[in-house]
């Protein structure tokens, strides 16, 4: 444990940032997973809304440096094609 006041504050700030970063990464992963499930269940409306949310949060994750741009582009492209090809 740190003894200096600034170090104690830094520990708290780092913990808060880590929690926020983890939440964003997990949100993106869960949106990808849920979108795949909606596509498998042939639920087009839900898949489209999840895809829209995924695009928003995935771009945010790229801007913060959590994910690479090519990875996000590939995931978005694949899911968009799957949603378009649904009956």
C-alpha atoms as a PDB file:
ATOM      1  CA  UNK A   1       0.000   0.000   0.000  1.00  0.00           C
ATOM      2  CA  UNK A   2       1.238   3.471  -0.803  1.00  0.00           C
ATOM      3  CA  UNK A   3       1.978   5.911   2.001  1.00  0.00           C
ATOM      4  CA  UNK A   4       2.003   9.136   0.016  1.00  0.00           C
ATOM      5  CA  UNK A   5      -1.316  10.901  -0.475  1.00  0.00           C
ATOM      6  CA  UNK A   6      -0.876  11.314  -4.258  1.00  0.00           C
ATOM      7  CA  UNK A   7      -0.028   7.629  -4.612  1.00  0.00           C
ATOM      8  CA  UNK A   8      -3.151   6.654  -2.672  1.00  0.00           C
ATOM      9  CA  UNK A   9      -5.238   8.771  -5.037  1.00  0.00           C
ATOM     10  CA  UNK A  10      -3.481   7.280  -8.065  1.00  0.00           C
ATOM     11  CA  UNK A  11      -4.436   3.788  -6.907  1.00  0.00           C
ATOM     12  CA  UNK A  12      -8.100   4.832  -6.739  1.00  0.00           C
ATOM     13  CA  UNK A  13      -7.991   6.536 -10.156  1.00  0.00           C
ATOM     14  CA  UNK A  14      -6.322   3.528 -11.789  1.00  0.00           C
ATOM     15  CA  UNK A  15      -8.905   1.166 -10.292  1.00  0.00           C
ATOM     16  CA  UNK A  16     -11.760   3.304 -11.620  1.00  0.00           C
ATOM     17  CA  UNK A  17     -10.234   3.555 -15.107  1.00  0.00           C
ATOM     18  CA  UNK A  18      -9.572  -0.185 -15.183  1.00  0.00           C
ATOM     19  CA  UNK A  19     -13.205  -0.900 -14.300  1.00  0.00           C
ATOM     20  CA  UNK A  20     -14.472   1.433 -17.023  1.00  0.00           C
ATOM     21  CA  UNK A  21     -12.122  -0.031 -19.623  1.00  0.00           C
ATOM     22  CA  UNK A  22     -13.102  -3.585 -18.714  1.00  0.00           C
ATOM     23  CA  UNK A  23     -16.790  -2.668 -18.972  1.00  0.00           C
ATOM     24  CA  UNK A  24     -16.346  -1.299 -22.507  1.00  0.00           C
ATOM     25  CA  UNK A  25     -14.357  -4.323 -23.692  1.00  0.00           C
ATOM     26  CA  UNK A  26     -16.908  -6.746 -22.258  1.00  0.00           C
ATOM     27  CA  UNK A  27     -19.794  -4.756 -23.742  1.00  0.00           C
ATOM     28  CA  UNK A  28     -18.289  -5.091 -27.225  1.00  0.00           C
ATOM     29  CA  UNK A  29     -17.670  -8.820 -26.788  1.00  0.00           C
ATOM     30  CA  UNK A  30     -21.187  -9.393 -25.451  1.00  0.00           C
ATOM     31  CA  UNK A  31     -22.739  -7.420 -28.308  1.00  0.00           C
ATOM     32  CA  UNK A  32     -20.886  -9.572 -30.846  1.00  0.00           C
ATOM     33  CA  UNK A  33     -22.008 -12.735 -29.077  1.00  0.00           C
ATOM     34  CA  UNK A  34     -25.630 -11.579 -28.719  1.00  0.00           C
ATOM     35  CA  UNK A  35     -25.782 -10.468 -32.350  1.00  0.00           C
ATOM     36  CA  UNK A  36     -24.608 -13.921 -33.456  1.00  0.00           C
ATOM     37  CA  UNK A  37     -27.282 -15.493 -31.251  1.00  0.00           C
ATOM     38  CA  UNK A  38     -29.991 -13.254 -32.736  1.00  0.00           C
ATOM     39  CA  UNK A  39     -28.844 -14.186 -36.242  1.00  0.00           C
ATOM     40  CA  UNK A  40     -28.940 -17.872 -35.337  1.00  0.00           C
ATOM     41  CA  UNK A  41     -32.443 -17.414 -33.914  1.00  0.00           C
ATOM     42  CA  UNK A  42     -33.481 -15.629 -37.144  1.00  0.00           C
ATOM     43  CA  UNK A  43     -34.547 -12.503 -35.250  1.00  0.00           C
ATOM     44  CA  UNK A  44     -33.755  -9.749 -37.748  1.00  0.00           C
ATOM     45  CA  UNK A  45     -35.048  -6.750 -35.765  1.00  0.00           C
ATOM     46  CA  UNK A  46     -33.017  -7.617 -32.687  1.00  0.00           C
ATOM     47  CA  UNK A  47     -29.931  -8.383 -34.788  1.00  0.00           C
ATOM     48  CA  UNK A  48     -30.154  -4.992 -36.498  1.00  0.00           C
ATOM     49  CA  UNK A  49     -30.468  -3.106 -33.208  1.00  0.00           C
ATOM     50  CA  UNK A  50     -27.562  -5.060 -31.700  1.00  0.00           C
ATOM     51  CA  UNK A  51     -25.462  -4.395 -34.795  1.00  0.00           C
ATOM     52  CA  UNK A  52     -26.125  -0.674 -34.504  1.00  0.00           C
ATOM     53  CA  UNK A  53     -25.032  -0.687 -30.850  1.00  0.00           C
ATOM     54  CA  UNK A  54     -22.021  -2.819 -31.705  1.00  0.00           C
ATOM     55  CA  UNK A  55     -20.830  -0.338 -34.318  1.00  0.00           C
ATOM     56  CA  UNK A  56     -21.055   2.501 -31.817  1.00  0.00           C
ATOM     57  CA  UNK A  57     -19.225   0.790 -28.964  1.00  0.00           C
ATOM     58  CA  UNK A  58     -16.666  -0.945 -31.174  1.00  0.00           C
ATOM     59  CA  UNK A  59     -15.633   2.389 -32.688  1.00  0.00           C
ATOM     60  CA  UNK A  60     -15.343   3.800 -29.190  1.00  0.00           C
ATOM     61  CA  UNK A  61     -13.104   0.878 -28.191  1.00  0.00           C
ATOM     62  CA  UNK A  62     -10.885   1.533 -31.218  1.00  0.00           C
ATOM     63  CA  UNK A  63     -10.556   5.211 -30.350  1.00  0.00           C
ATOM     64  CA  UNK A  64      -9.462   4.285 -26.824  1.00  0.00           C
ATOM     65  CA  UNK A  65      -6.996   1.731 -28.132  1.00  0.00           C
ATOM     66  CA  UNK A  66      -8.620  -1.425 -26.724  1.00  0.00           C
ATOM     67  CA  UNK A  67      -9.122  -3.059 -30.091  1.00  0.00           C
ATOM     68  CA  UNK A  68      -7.396  -2.752 -33.446  1.00  0.00           C
ATOM     69  CA  UNK A  69      -9.176  -1.000 -36.293  1.00  0.00           C
ATOM     70  CA  UNK A  70      -8.876  -3.953 -38.683  1.00  0.00           C
ATOM     71  CA  UNK A  71     -10.333  -6.362 -36.127  1.00  0.00           C
ATOM     72  CA  UNK A  72     -13.347  -4.139 -35.537  1.00  0.00           C
ATOM     73  CA  UNK A  73     -13.852  -3.528 -39.247  1.00  0.00           C
ATOM     74  CA  UNK A  74     -13.746  -7.267 -39.920  1.00  0.00           C
ATOM     75  CA  UNK A  75     -16.273  -8.081 -37.164  1.00  0.00           C
ATOM     76  CA  UNK A  76     -18.636  -5.321 -38.275  1.00  0.00           C
ATOM     77  CA  UNK A  77     -18.394  -6.403 -41.915  1.00  0.00           C
ATOM     78  CA  UNK A  78     -19.067 -10.056 -41.190  1.00  0.00           C
ATOM     79  CA  UNK A  79     -22.037  -9.356 -38.940  1.00  0.00           C
ATOM     80  CA  UNK A  80     -23.482  -6.810 -41.378  1.00  0.00           C
ATOM     81  CA  UNK A  81     -23.339  -9.371 -44.184  1.00  0.00           C
ATOM     82  CA  UNK A  82     -25.005 -11.994 -42.007  1.00  0.00           C
ATOM     83  CA  UNK A  83     -27.812  -9.591 -41.054  1.00  0.00           C
ATOM     84  CA  UNK A  84     -28.344  -8.543 -44.693  1.00  0.00           C
ATOM     85  CA  UNK A  85     -28.550 -12.164 -45.836  1.00  0.00           C
ATOM     86  CA  UNK A  86     -31.213 -13.061 -43.267  1.00  0.00           C
ATOM     87  CA  UNK A  87     -34.623 -13.889 -44.673  1.00  0.00           C
END
